PDB file of N, CA and C in Angstrom:
ATOM      1  N   MET A   1     -82.961-143.536  44.287  1.00  0.00           N
ATOM      2  CA  MET A   1     -83.215-143.019  43.444  1.00  0.00           C
ATOM      3  C   MET A   1     -82.403-143.882  42.240  1.00  0.00           C
ATOM      4  N   ASP A   2     -82.979-143.851  40.994  1.00  0.00           N
ATOM      5  CA  ASP A   2     -82.499-144.332  40.077  1.00  0.00           C
ATOM      6  C   ASP A   2     -81.684-143.316  39.445  1.00  0.00           C
ATOM      7  N   SER A   3     -80.692-143.959  38.485  1.00  0.00           N
ATOM      8  CA  SER A   3     -79.487-142.982  38.042  1.00  0.00           C
ATOM      9  C   SER A   3     -79.982-141.544  36.936  1.00  0.00           C
ATOM     10  N   GLU A   4     -81.147-141.974  36.887  1.00  0.00           N
ATOM     11  CA  GLU A   4     -81.764-140.915  35.966  1.00  0.00           C
ATOM     12  C   GLU A   4     -82.179-139.640  36.548  1.00  0.00           C
ATOM     13  N   ARG A   5     -82.856-139.969  37.789  1.00  0.00           N
ATOM     14  CA  ARG A   5     -83.199-138.728  38.873  1.00  0.00           C
ATOM     15  C   ARG A   5     -81.938-138.336  39.422  1.00  0.00           C
ATOM     16  N   VAL A   6     -80.885-138.932  39.914  1.00  0.00           N
ATOM     17  CA  VAL A   6     -79.209-137.956  40.094  1.00  0.00           C
ATOM     18  C   VAL A   6     -79.086-137.671  38.725  1.00  0.00           C
ATOM     19  N   MET A   7     -78.629-138.136  37.399  1.00  0.00           N
ATOM     20  CA  MET A   7     -78.659-137.346  36.260  1.00  0.00           C
ATOM     21  C   MET A   7     -78.957-135.976  36.164  1.00  0.00           C
ATOM     22  N   THR A   8     -80.968-136.044  36.877  1.00  0.00           N
ATOM     23  CA  THR A   8     -81.278-134.872  35.676  1.00  0.00           C
ATOM     24  C   THR A   8     -81.570-134.105  37.037  1.00  0.00           C
ATOM     25  N   ALA A   9     -80.958-134.414  38.594  1.00  0.00           N
ATOM     26  CA  ALA A   9     -80.180-133.172  39.890  1.00  0.00           C
ATOM     27  C   ALA A   9     -79.502-132.855  39.238  1.00  0.00           C
ATOM     28  N   VAL A  10     -77.939-133.797  39.011  1.00  0.00           N
ATOM     29  CA  VAL A  10     -77.053-132.806  38.945  1.00  0.00           C
ATOM     30  C   VAL A  10     -77.181-131.590  37.289  1.00  0.00           C
ATOM     31  N   PHE A  11     -78.063-132.030  36.031  1.00  0.00           N
ATOM     32  CA  PHE A  11     -78.141-130.908  35.271  1.00  0.00           C
ATOM     33  C   PHE A  11     -78.634-130.244  35.802  1.00  0.00           C
ATOM     34  N   GLU A  12     -79.981-129.945  36.360  1.00  0.00           N
ATOM     35  CA  GLU A  12     -80.406-128.755  37.111  1.00  0.00           C
ATOM     36  C   GLU A  12     -79.284-128.089  37.772  1.00  0.00           C
ATOM     37  N   VAL A  13     -78.493-128.667  38.785  1.00  0.00           N
ATOM     38  CA  VAL A  13     -78.127-127.701  39.077  1.00  0.00           C
ATOM     39  C   VAL A  13     -77.170-127.019  38.505  1.00  0.00           C
ATOM     40  N   LEU A  14     -75.964-127.846  37.350  1.00  0.00           N
ATOM     41  CA  LEU A  14     -75.226-127.138  36.368  1.00  0.00           C
ATOM     42  C   LEU A  14     -75.835-126.250  35.876  1.00  0.00           C
ATOM     43  N   LYS A  15     -76.962-126.176  35.621  1.00  0.00           N
ATOM     44  CA  LYS A  15     -77.846-125.145  34.841  1.00  0.00           C
ATOM     45  C   LYS A  15     -77.891-123.577  35.045  1.00  0.00           C
ATOM     46  N   GLU A  16     -77.665-123.836  37.073  1.00  0.00           N
ATOM     47  CA  GLU A  16     -77.258-122.811  37.379  1.00  0.00           C
ATOM     48  C   GLU A  16     -76.106-122.472  37.988  1.00  0.00           C
ATOM     49  N   THR A  17     -75.449-122.656  36.985  1.00  0.00           N
ATOM     50  CA  THR A  17     -73.491-121.833  36.645  1.00  0.00           C
ATOM     51  C   THR A  17     -73.297-121.233  35.534  1.00  0.00           C
ATOM     52  N   GLY A  18     -74.852-120.971  35.145  1.00  0.00           N
ATOM     53  CA  GLY A  18     -74.636-120.002  33.847  1.00  0.00           C
ATOM     54  C   GLY A  18     -74.334-120.580  32.467  1.00  0.00           C
ATOM     55  N   TYR A  19     -73.485-121.734  32.409  1.00  0.00           N
ATOM     56  CA  TYR A  19     -72.860-122.306  31.403  1.00  0.00           C
ATOM     57  C   TYR A  19     -74.061-122.988  30.271  1.00  0.00           C
ATOM     58  N   VAL A  20     -73.742-123.021  29.351  1.00  0.00           N
ATOM     59  CA  VAL A  20     -74.721-124.113  28.845  1.00  0.00           C
ATOM     60  C   VAL A  20     -74.303-125.380  28.852  1.00  0.00           C
ATOM     61  N   TRP A  21     -75.097-125.945  29.195  1.00  0.00           N
ATOM     62  CA  TRP A  21     -74.721-127.438  29.304  1.00  0.00           C
ATOM     63  C   TRP A  21     -76.049-128.257  28.923  1.00  0.00           C
ATOM     64  N   ARG A  22     -76.048-129.359  28.704  1.00  0.00           N
ATOM     65  CA  ARG A  22     -76.889-130.186  28.247  1.00  0.00           C
ATOM     66  C   ARG A  22     -77.252-131.623  28.337  1.00  0.00           C
ATOM     67  N   LEU A  23     -77.685-131.822  29.387  1.00  0.00           N
ATOM     68  CA  LEU A  23     -77.841-133.486  29.377  1.00  0.00           C
ATOM     69  C   LEU A  23     -78.861-134.351  29.014  1.00  0.00           C
ATOM     70  N   MET A  24     -77.852-135.540  28.120  1.00  0.00           N
ATOM     71  CA  MET A  24     -79.274-136.008  27.187  1.00  0.00           C
ATOM     72  C   MET A  24     -78.850-137.897  27.215  1.00  0.00           C
ATOM     73  N   THR A  25     -79.440-138.298  26.239  1.00  0.00           N
ATOM     74  CA  THR A  25     -79.208-139.835  25.935  1.00  0.00           C
ATOM     75  C   THR A  25     -79.000-139.721  24.885  1.00  0.00           C
ATOM     76  N   GLN A  26     -77.928-140.643  23.913  1.00  0.00           N
ATOM     77  CA  GLN A  26     -77.787-140.454  23.202  1.00  0.00           C
ATOM     78  C   GLN A  26     -77.606-142.180  22.778  1.00  0.00           C
ATOM     79  N   THR A  27     -77.859-142.982  21.744  1.00  0.00           N
ATOM     80  CA  THR A  27     -77.290-144.100  21.365  1.00  0.00           C
ATOM     81  C   THR A  27     -76.408-144.658  20.160  1.00  0.00           C
ATOM     82  N   HIS A  28     -75.344-145.036  20.877  1.00  0.00           N
ATOM     83  CA  HIS A  28     -74.908-145.677  19.943  1.00  0.00           C
ATOM     84  C   HIS A  28     -74.580-147.426  19.962  1.00  0.00           C
ATOM     85  N   LYS A  29     -73.572-147.812  20.412  1.00  0.00           N
ATOM     86  CA  LYS A  29     -74.190-149.285  20.326  1.00  0.00           C
ATOM     87  C   LYS A  29     -75.364-149.840  21.240  1.00  0.00           C
ATOM     88  N   ARG A  30     -75.201-148.670  22.455  1.00  0.00           N
ATOM     89  CA  ARG A  30     -76.396-149.082  23.468  1.00  0.00           C
ATOM     90  C   ARG A  30     -76.628-148.030  23.909  1.00  0.00           C
ATOM     91  N   LYS A  31     -77.352-147.299  24.935  1.00  0.00           N
ATOM     92  CA  LYS A  31     -77.431-145.831  25.189  1.00  0.00           C
ATOM     93  C   LYS A  31     -76.980-145.582  26.285  1.00  0.00           C
ATOM     94  N   LYS A  32     -76.241-144.391  26.407  1.00  0.00           N
ATOM     95  CA  LYS A  32     -75.086-143.726  27.452  1.00  0.00           C
ATOM     96  C   LYS A  32     -75.162-142.568  27.738  1.00  0.00           C
ATOM     97  N   ASN A  33     -75.335-142.152  28.698  1.00  0.00           N
ATOM     98  CA  ASN A  33     -75.558-140.787  29.115  1.00  0.00           C
ATOM     99  C   ASN A  33     -74.188-140.006  29.131  1.00  0.00           C
ATOM    100  N   VAL A  34     -74.896-138.867  28.148  1.00  0.00           N
ATOM    101  CA  VAL A  34     -73.769-137.683  27.755  1.00  0.00           C
ATOM    102  C   VAL A  34     -74.154-136.273  27.896  1.00  0.00           C
ATOM    103  N   LEU A  35     -73.263-136.136  28.465  1.00  0.00           N
ATOM    104  CA  LEU A  35     -72.781-134.392  29.434  1.00  0.00           C
ATOM    105  C   LEU A  35     -72.115-133.968  28.811  1.00  0.00           C
ATOM    106  N   GLN A  36     -72.336-132.316  27.951  1.00  0.00           N
ATOM    107  CA  GLN A  36     -72.421-131.704  26.597  1.00  0.00           C
ATOM    108  C   GLN A  36     -72.016-130.416  27.406  1.00  0.00           C
ATOM    109  N   LEU A  37     -70.796-129.554  27.376  1.00  0.00           N
ATOM    110  CA  LEU A  37     -70.455-128.347  27.744  1.00  0.00           C
ATOM    111  C   LEU A  37     -69.870-127.861  26.516  1.00  0.00           C
ATOM    112  N   HIS A  38     -70.457-126.486  26.086  1.00  0.00           N
ATOM    113  CA  HIS A  38     -70.014-125.956  25.294  1.00  0.00           C
ATOM    114  C   HIS A  38     -70.151-126.181  23.894  1.00  0.00           C
ATOM    115  N   HIS A  39     -69.036-126.295  22.975  1.00  0.00           N
ATOM    116  CA  HIS A  39     -68.832-126.812  21.884  1.00  0.00           C
ATOM    117  C   HIS A  39     -68.147-128.071  22.022  1.00  0.00           C
ATOM    118  N   TRP A  40     -67.667-128.615  23.108  1.00  0.00           N
ATOM    119  CA  TRP A  40     -67.227-130.223  23.037  1.00  0.00           C
ATOM    120  C   TRP A  40     -68.005-131.020  24.246  1.00  0.00           C
ATOM    121  N   SER A  41     -67.844-132.310  23.461  1.00  0.00           N
ATOM    122  CA  SER A  41     -68.526-132.690  24.326  1.00  0.00           C
ATOM    123  C   SER A  41     -67.577-134.472  25.343  1.00  0.00           C
ATOM    124  N   LEU A  42     -68.562-134.156  26.680  1.00  0.00           N
ATOM    125  CA  LEU A  42     -67.762-135.939  27.137  1.00  0.00           C
ATOM    126  C   LEU A  42     -68.847-136.801  26.832  1.00  0.00           C
ATOM    127  N   ARG A  43     -68.153-137.954  26.211  1.00  0.00           N
ATOM    128  CA  ARG A  43     -68.713-138.845  25.984  1.00  0.00           C
ATOM    129  C   ARG A  43     -68.201-140.386  26.387  1.00  0.00           C
ATOM    130  N   LEU A  44     -69.234-140.981  26.910  1.00  0.00           N
ATOM    131  CA  LEU A  44     -68.491-142.202  28.045  1.00  0.00           C
ATOM    132  C   LEU A  44     -67.856-143.226  26.282  1.00  0.00           C
ATOM    133  N   ALA A  45     -68.296-143.153  25.574  1.00  0.00           N
ATOM    134  CA  ALA A  45     -67.931-143.531  24.172  1.00  0.00           C
ATOM    135  C   ALA A  45     -66.360-143.689  23.579  1.00  0.00           C
ATOM    136  N   ALA A  46     -65.770-142.374  23.315  1.00  0.00           N
ATOM    137  CA  ALA A  46     -64.328-142.526  23.230  1.00  0.00           C
ATOM    138  C   ALA A  46     -64.191-141.011  23.732  1.00  0.00           C
ATOM    139  N   PRO A  47     -63.863-140.973  24.914  1.00  0.00           N
ATOM    140  CA  PRO A  47     -62.829-139.467  25.723  1.00  0.00           C
ATOM    141  C   PRO A  47     -61.971-139.621  24.953  1.00  0.00           C
ATOM    142  N   SER A  48     -61.031-137.990  24.708  1.00  0.00           N
ATOM    143  CA  SER A  48     -59.873-137.641  24.518  1.00  0.00           C
ATOM    144  C   SER A  48     -59.296-137.460  24.934  1.00  0.00           C
ATOM    145  N   THR A  49     -60.059-136.233  26.173  1.00  0.00           N
ATOM    146  CA  THR A  49     -58.681-135.930  27.163  1.00  0.00           C
ATOM    147  C   THR A  49     -58.842-136.131  28.579  1.00  0.00           C
ATOM    148  N   PRO A  50     -57.506-135.573  29.308  1.00  0.00           N
ATOM    149  CA  PRO A  50     -58.000-136.647  30.615  1.00  0.00           C
ATOM    150  C   PRO A  50     -59.262-135.844  31.461  1.00  0.00           C
ATOM    151  N   LEU A  51     -59.819-135.102  31.245  1.00  0.00           N
ATOM    152  CA  LEU A  51     -60.675-134.457  31.895  1.00  0.00           C
ATOM    153  C   LEU A  51     -61.949-135.087  31.502  1.00  0.00           C
ATOM    154  N   GLN A  52     -62.015-135.159  30.018  1.00  0.00           N
ATOM    155  CA  GLN A  52     -63.199-135.858  29.750  1.00  0.00           C
ATOM    156  C   GLN A  52     -62.793-137.405  30.582  1.00  0.00           C
ATOM    157  N   ARG A  53     -61.942-137.624  30.143  1.00  0.00           N
ATOM    158  CA  ARG A  53     -61.583-139.359  30.943  1.00  0.00           C
ATOM    159  C   ARG A  53     -62.540-139.411  32.085  1.00  0.00           C
ATOM    160  N   HIS A  54     -61.506-138.677  33.004  1.00  0.00           N
ATOM    161  CA  HIS A  54     -62.413-138.293  34.479  1.00  0.00           C
ATOM    162  C   HIS A  54     -63.770-138.507  34.790  1.00  0.00           C
ATOM    163  N   LEU A  55     -64.147-137.222  33.692  1.00  0.00           N
ATOM    164  CA  LEU A  55     -65.428-137.147  33.841  1.00  0.00           C
ATOM    165  C   LEU A  55     -66.535-137.878  33.566  1.00  0.00           C
ATOM    166  N   CYS A  56     -65.756-139.299  32.877  1.00  0.00           N
ATOM    167  CA  CYS A  56     -66.613-140.167  31.823  1.00  0.00           C
ATOM    168  C   CYS A  56     -66.313-141.555  32.874  1.00  0.00           C
ATOM    169  N   MET A  57     -65.380-141.882  33.799  1.00  0.00           N
ATOM    170  CA  MET A  57     -65.216-142.316  34.787  1.00  0.00           C
ATOM    171  C   MET A  57     -66.312-141.633  35.654  1.00  0.00           C
ATOM    172  N   ALA A  58     -66.282-141.260  36.416  1.00  0.00           N
ATOM    173  CA  ALA A  58     -67.603-140.254  36.967  1.00  0.00           C
ATOM    174  C   ALA A  58     -68.876-140.817  36.994  1.00  0.00           C
ATOM    175  N   MET A  59     -69.149-140.446  35.471  1.00  0.00           N
ATOM    176  CA  MET A  59     -70.756-140.644  34.767  1.00  0.00           C
ATOM    177  C   MET A  59     -70.674-142.029  34.844  1.00  0.00           C
ATOM    178  N   LYS A  60     -69.540-142.740  34.910  1.00  0.00           N
ATOM    179  CA  LYS A  60     -69.825-144.573  34.968  1.00  0.00           C
ATOM    180  C   LYS A  60     -70.344-144.780  36.257  1.00  0.00           C
ATOM    181  N   VAL A  61     -69.924-143.950  37.657  1.00  0.00           N
ATOM    182  CA  VAL A  61     -69.912-144.314  38.629  1.00  0.00           C
ATOM    183  C   VAL A  61     -71.623-143.972  38.825  1.00  0.00           C
ATOM    184  N   TYR A  62     -71.960-143.266  38.254  1.00  0.00           N
ATOM    185  CA  TYR A  62     -73.215-142.610  38.587  1.00  0.00           C
ATOM    186  C   TYR A  62     -74.155-143.829  37.794  1.00  0.00           C
ATOM    187  N   GLN A  63     -74.147-143.856  37.155  1.00  0.00           N
ATOM    188  CA  GLN A  63     -74.776-144.893  36.461  1.00  0.00           C
ATOM    189  C   GLN A  63     -74.948-146.308  36.980  1.00  0.00           C
ATOM    190  N   VAL A  64     -73.841-146.943  37.732  1.00  0.00           N
ATOM    191  CA  VAL A  64     -73.530-148.205  38.579  1.00  0.00           C
ATOM    192  C   VAL A  64     -74.097-147.748  39.659  1.00  0.00           C
ATOM    193  N   LYS A  65     -73.873-146.365  40.861  1.00  0.00           N
ATOM    194  CA  LYS A  65     -74.468-145.851  42.218  1.00  0.00           C
ATOM    195  C   LYS A  65     -75.251-144.968  42.671  1.00  0.00           C
ATOM    196  N   ALA A  66     -76.364-144.898  42.107  1.00  0.00           N
ATOM    197  CA  ALA A  66     -77.040-143.663  41.987  1.00  0.00           C
ATOM    198  C   ALA A  66     -77.420-143.396  43.486  1.00  0.00           C
ATOM    199  N   GLY A  67     -77.568-141.966  43.384  1.00  0.00           N
ATOM    200  CA  GLY A  67     -77.488-141.417  44.630  1.00  0.00           C
ATOM    201  C   GLY A  67     -75.998-140.750  45.280  1.00  0.00           C
ATOM    202  N   THR A  68     -74.885-140.833  44.869  1.00  0.00           N
ATOM    203  CA  THR A  68     -73.844-140.121  44.981  1.00  0.00           C
ATOM    204  C   THR A  68     -73.449-139.164  43.959  1.00  0.00           C
ATOM    205  N   GLY A  69     -74.376-138.237  44.095  1.00  0.00           N
ATOM    206  CA  GLY A  69     -74.289-137.030  43.551  1.00  0.00           C
ATOM    207  C   GLY A  69     -73.507-136.147  43.659  1.00  0.00           C
ATOM    208  N   ILE A  70     -72.123-135.983  44.756  1.00  0.00           N
ATOM    209  CA  ILE A  70     -71.243-135.401  45.057  1.00  0.00           C
ATOM    210  C   ILE A  70     -69.600-136.121  44.407  1.00  0.00           C
ATOM    211  N   ARG A  71     -70.023-137.250  43.720  1.00  0.00           N
ATOM    212  CA  ARG A  71     -68.932-138.071  43.253  1.00  0.00           C
ATOM    213  C   ARG A  71     -68.358-137.558  42.046  1.00  0.00           C
ATOM    214  N   LEU A  72     -68.947-136.693  41.565  1.00  0.00           N
ATOM    215  CA  LEU A  72     -68.273-136.191  39.867  1.00  0.00           C
ATOM    216  C   LEU A  72     -67.693-134.828  40.521  1.00  0.00           C
ATOM    217  N   VAL A  73     -67.979-134.010  41.283  1.00  0.00           N
ATOM    218  CA  VAL A  73     -67.298-133.216  41.896  1.00  0.00           C
ATOM    219  C   VAL A  73     -66.107-133.442  42.537  1.00  0.00           C
ATOM    220  N   LEU A  74     -66.139-134.035  43.285  1.00  0.00           N
ATOM    221  CA  LEU A  74     -65.184-134.837  43.956  1.00  0.00           C
ATOM    222  C   LEU A  74     -63.626-135.513  43.078  1.00  0.00           C
ATOM    223  N   ASP A  75     -64.060-136.156  41.866  1.00  0.00           N
ATOM    224  CA  ASP A  75     -63.513-136.550  41.084  1.00  0.00           C
ATOM    225  C   ASP A  75     -62.723-135.118  40.447  1.00  0.00           C
ATOM    226  N   LEU A  76     -63.713-134.310  39.978  1.00  0.00           N
ATOM    227  CA  LEU A  76     -63.000-133.146  39.123  1.00  0.00           C
ATOM    228  C   LEU A  76     -61.742-132.461  40.043  1.00  0.00           C
ATOM    229  N   ARG A  77     -62.260-132.455  41.437  1.00  0.00           N
ATOM    230  CA  ARG A  77     -61.143-131.585  42.257  1.00  0.00           C
ATOM    231  C   ARG A  77     -59.119-132.386  42.433  1.00  0.00           C
ATOM    232  N   LEU A  78     -59.355-133.922  41.162  1.00  0.00           N
ATOM    233  CA  LEU A  78     -58.194-134.343  41.448  1.00  0.00           C
ATOM    234  C   LEU A  78     -57.423-134.481  40.112  1.00  0.00           C
ATOM    235  N   MET A  79     -58.468-133.081  39.175  1.00  0.00           N
ATOM    236  CA  MET A  79     -57.729-132.968  38.283  1.00  0.00           C
ATOM    237  C   MET A  79     -57.100-131.927  37.670  1.00  0.00           C
ATOM    238  N   GLU A  80     -55.926-131.719  36.928  1.00  0.00           N
ATOM    239  CA  GLU A  80     -55.508-130.238  37.018  1.00  0.00           C
ATOM    240  C   GLU A  80     -55.219-129.615  35.621  1.00  0.00           C
ATOM    241  N   GLY A  81     -55.221-128.291  35.320  1.00  0.00           N
ATOM    242  CA  GLY A  81     -54.716-127.681  33.634  1.00  0.00           C
ATOM    243  C   GLY A  81     -56.510-127.290  33.825  1.00  0.00           C
ATOM    244  N   GLU A  82     -56.694-128.397  32.303  1.00  0.00           N
ATOM    245  CA  GLU A  82     -58.262-128.079  31.754  1.00  0.00           C
ATOM    246  C   GLU A  82     -59.332-128.383  33.016  1.00  0.00           C
ATOM    247  N   ALA A  83     -59.056-128.645  33.888  1.00  0.00           N
ATOM    248  CA  ALA A  83     -60.341-128.649  34.409  1.00  0.00           C
ATOM    249  C   ALA A  83     -60.375-127.188  35.754  1.00  0.00           C
ATOM    250  N   ALA A  84     -59.071-126.512  35.748  1.00  0.00           N
ATOM    251  CA  ALA A  84     -58.866-125.531  36.628  1.00  0.00           C
ATOM    252  C   ALA A  84     -59.970-124.154  36.232  1.00  0.00           C
ATOM    253  N   LEU A  85     -60.323-124.022  35.256  1.00  0.00           N
ATOM    254  CA  LEU A  85     -61.766-123.588  34.927  1.00  0.00           C
ATOM    255  C   LEU A  85     -62.929-123.903  35.487  1.00  0.00           C
ATOM    256  N   PHE A  86     -62.790-125.109  35.636  1.00  0.00           N
ATOM    257  CA  PHE A  86     -64.223-125.898  35.716  1.00  0.00           C
ATOM    258  C   PHE A  86     -64.462-125.736  37.449  1.00  0.00           C
ATOM    259  N   LEU A  87     -63.019-125.985  37.967  1.00  0.00           N
ATOM    260  CA  LEU A  87     -63.086-125.949  39.486  1.00  0.00           C
ATOM    261  C   LEU A  87     -63.756-124.849  40.572  1.00  0.00           C
ATOM    262  N   GLU A  88     -63.481-123.742  39.909  1.00  0.00           N
ATOM    263  CA  GLU A  88     -64.270-122.402  41.129  1.00  0.00           C
ATOM    264  C   GLU A  88     -65.429-122.781  40.807  1.00  0.00           C
ATOM    265  N   TYR A  89     -66.379-123.706  39.815  1.00  0.00           N
ATOM    266  CA  TYR A  89     -67.850-123.924  40.608  1.00  0.00           C
ATOM    267  C   TYR A  89     -68.360-125.316  40.926  1.00  0.00           C
ATOM    268  N   ALA A  90     -67.212-125.911  41.599  1.00  0.00           N
ATOM    269  CA  ALA A  90     -66.652-127.405  41.931  1.00  0.00           C
ATOM    270  C   ALA A  90     -67.480-127.760  43.221  1.00  0.00           C
ATOM    271  N   HIS A  91     -67.269-126.720  44.410  1.00  0.00           N
ATOM    272  CA  HIS A  91     -68.320-126.723  45.327  1.00  0.00           C
ATOM    273  C   HIS A  91     -69.348-126.290  45.343  1.00  0.00           C
ATOM    274  N   VAL A  92     -69.419-125.316  44.600  1.00  0.00           N
ATOM    275  CA  VAL A  92     -70.894-124.531  44.272  1.00  0.00           C
ATOM    276  C   VAL A  92     -71.627-125.777  43.560  1.00  0.00           C
ATOM    277  N   ILE A  93     -71.558-126.595  42.922  1.00  0.00           N
ATOM    278  CA  ILE A  93     -71.822-127.418  42.227  1.00  0.00           C
ATOM    279  C   ILE A  93     -72.378-128.202  42.826  1.00  0.00           C
ATOM    280  N   GLY A  94     -71.583-128.800  43.930  1.00  0.00           N
ATOM    281  CA  GLY A  94     -71.121-130.168  45.214  1.00  0.00           C
ATOM    282  C   GLY A  94     -72.258-129.575  46.133  1.00  0.00           C
ATOM    283  N   ASP A  95     -72.028-128.987  46.408  1.00  0.00           N
ATOM    284  CA  ASP A  95     -73.240-128.444  47.870  1.00  0.00           C
ATOM    285  C   ASP A  95     -74.515-127.869  47.341  1.00  0.00           C
ATOM    286  N   ARG A  96     -74.794-127.896  45.919  1.00  0.00           N
ATOM    287  CA  ARG A  96     -75.989-127.472  45.725  1.00  0.00           C
ATOM    288  C   ARG A  96     -76.382-128.812  45.241  1.00  0.00           C
ATOM    289  N   CYS A  97     -75.827-129.895  44.257  1.00  0.00           N
ATOM    290  CA  CYS A  97     -75.856-130.839  43.690  1.00  0.00           C
ATOM    291  C   CYS A  97     -76.038-132.069  44.919  1.00  0.00           C
ATOM    292  N   GLN A  98     -75.328-131.679  46.144  1.00  0.00           N
ATOM    293  CA  GLN A  98     -75.839-132.692  47.383  1.00  0.00           C
ATOM    294  C   GLN A  98     -76.833-132.602  47.756  1.00  0.00           C
ATOM    295  N   ARG A  99     -77.714-130.738  47.913  1.00  0.00           N
ATOM    296  CA  ARG A  99     -78.263-130.216  48.960  1.00  0.00           C
ATOM    297  C   ARG A  99     -80.068-131.112  48.083  1.00  0.00           C
ATOM    298  N   ARG A 100     -79.703-130.701  46.401  1.00  0.00           N
ATOM    299  CA  ARG A 100     -80.569-131.367  46.047  1.00  0.00           C
ATOM    300  C   ARG A 100     -81.599-132.344  45.816  1.00  0.00           C
ATOM    301  N   ILE A 101     -80.083-133.344  46.077  1.00  0.00           N
ATOM    302  CA  ILE A 101     -80.255-135.302  46.052  1.00  0.00           C
ATOM    303  C   ILE A 101     -81.234-135.446  47.622  1.00  0.00           C
ATOM    304  N   GLU A 102     -80.472-134.801  48.492  1.00  0.00           N
ATOM    305  CA  GLU A 102     -81.004-135.345  49.553  1.00  0.00           C
ATOM    306  C   GLU A 102     -82.459-134.637  49.950  1.00  0.00           C
ATOM    307  N   ARG A 103     -82.638-133.433  49.564  1.00  0.00           N
ATOM    308  CA  ARG A 103     -84.144-132.809  49.429  1.00  0.00           C
ATOM    309  C   ARG A 103     -85.033-134.136  48.598  1.00  0.00           C
ATOM    310  N   GLU A 104     -84.520-134.417  47.671  1.00  0.00           N
ATOM    311  CA  GLU A 104     -85.132-135.826  46.605  1.00  0.00           C
ATOM    312  C   GLU A 104     -85.394-136.909  47.625  1.00  0.00           C
ATOM    313  N   ILE A 105     -84.644-137.421  48.102  1.00  0.00           N
ATOM    314  CA  ILE A 105     -84.525-138.690  49.074  1.00  0.00           C
ATOM    315  C   ILE A 105     -85.338-138.210  50.295  1.00  0.00           C
ATOM    316  N   ALA A 106     -85.387-136.957  50.919  1.00  0.00           N
ATOM    317  CA  ALA A 106     -86.415-136.828  52.111  1.00  0.00           C
ATOM    318  C   ALA A 106     -87.713-136.811  51.908  1.00  0.00           C
ATOM    319  N   ARG A 107     -88.030-135.784  50.328  1.00  0.00           N
ATOM    320  CA  ARG A 107     -88.604-136.517  49.722  1.00  0.00           C
ATOM    321  C   ARG A 107     -89.601-137.760  49.349  1.00  0.00           C
ATOM    322  N   ASP A 108     -88.906-138.751  49.168  1.00  0.00           N
ATOM    323  CA  ASP A 108     -89.657-140.018  48.924  1.00  0.00           C
ATOM    324  C   ASP A 108     -89.803-140.320  49.930  1.00  0.00           C
ATOM    325  N   LYS A 109     -89.083-139.906  51.085  1.00  0.00           N
ATOM    326  CA  LYS A 109     -88.962-141.032  52.097  1.00  0.00           C
ATOM    327  C   LYS A 109     -90.711-140.419  52.858  1.00  0.00           C
ATOM    328  N   GLU A 110     -90.464-139.390  53.089  1.00  0.00           N
ATOM    329  CA  GLU A 110     -92.145-138.465  53.915  1.00  0.00           C
ATOM    330  C   GLU A 110     -93.105-139.300  52.669  1.00  0.00           C
ATOM    331  N   MET A 111     -93.143-139.224  51.154  1.00  0.00           N
ATOM    332  CA  MET A 111     -94.046-139.395  50.523  1.00  0.00           C
ATOM    333  C   MET A 111     -94.673-141.685  50.878  1.00  0.00           C
ATOM    334  N   GLU A 112     -93.742-142.332  50.839  1.00  0.00           N
ATOM    335  CA  GLU A 112     -93.588-143.599  51.720  1.00  0.00           C
ATOM    336  C   GLU A 112     -94.118-143.710  53.125  1.00  0.00           C
ATOM    337  N   ARG A 113     -93.507-142.975  54.062  1.00  0.00           N
ATOM    338  CA  ARG A 113     -94.338-142.799  55.801  1.00  0.00           C
ATOM    339  C   ARG A 113     -95.577-141.945  55.256  1.00  0.00           C
ATOM    340  N   ALA A 114     -96.220-141.327  54.122  1.00  0.00           N
ATOM    341  CA  ALA A 114     -97.228-140.936  54.470  1.00  0.00           C
ATOM    342  C   ALA A 114     -98.121-141.399  53.754  1.00  0.00           C
ATOM    343  N   GLU A 115     -97.705-143.113  52.775  1.00  0.00           N
ATOM    344  CA  GLU A 115     -98.648-143.901  52.505  1.00  0.00           C
ATOM    345  C   GLU A 115     -98.219-145.072  53.147  1.00  0.00           C
ATOM    346  N   THR A 116     -98.028-145.037  54.007  1.00  0.00           N
ATOM    347  CA  THR A 116     -97.726-146.224  54.825  1.00  0.00           C
ATOM    348  C   THR A 116     -98.851-145.729  56.040  1.00  0.00           C
ATOM    349  N   GLU A 117     -98.804-144.906  56.849  1.00  0.00           N
ATOM    350  CA  GLU A 117     -99.892-143.804  57.498  1.00  0.00           C
ATOM    351  C   GLU A 117    -101.277-144.345  57.158  1.00  0.00           C
ATOM    352  N   GLN A 118    -101.794-143.718  55.740  1.00  0.00           N
ATOM    353  CA  GLN A 118    -102.621-144.045  54.849  1.00  0.00           C
ATOM    354  C   GLN A 118    -103.247-145.253  54.750  1.00  0.00           C
ATOM    355  N   GLU A 119    -102.044-146.399  54.929  1.00  0.00           N
ATOM    356  CA  GLU A 119    -102.587-147.655  54.650  1.00  0.00           C
ATOM    357  C   GLU A 119    -102.860-148.334  55.761  1.00  0.00           C
ATOM    358  N   ILE A 120    -102.343-147.703  56.824  1.00  0.00           N
ATOM    359  CA  ILE A 120    -102.569-148.209  58.263  1.00  0.00           C
ATOM    360  C   ILE A 120    -103.823-147.635  58.764  1.00  0.00           C
ATOM    361  N   ALA A 121    -104.284-146.447  58.234  1.00  0.00           N
ATOM    362  CA  ALA A 121    -105.327-145.962  58.886  1.00  0.00           C
ATOM    363  C   ALA A 121    -107.014-146.372  57.512  1.00  0.00           C
ATOM    364  N   LEU A 122    -106.844-147.426  56.721  1.00  0.00           N
ATOM    365  CA  LEU A 122    -107.488-147.872  56.411  1.00  0.00           C
ATOM    366  C   LEU A 122    -107.734-149.150  56.660  1.00  0.00           C
TER     367      LEU A 122
END
């Protein structure tokens, strides 16, 4: 799975929390993934708060290591204070996100298997 599909899966799960989330690609010097919650943005460019810095680290993990959808949530659990309000959703987001990504991977494997069987049949 590429990182864009992982980010999309995360975005879909975050939408289910009832918060207003926006996941988008923005161009600064180069393209960066941007996650926005309510009025303030978590940018990879210049994070200012500990939570923003921590989330940005997690976002970089997504870009490098696709398929680790649970990582953002695990990282959030390490935070205090600012993250407290966010944490009540962390377990739910983590479980849903992990299941969604696992379904994506299973679907990909099933499609590959079906294609292989078709090729063998021909």
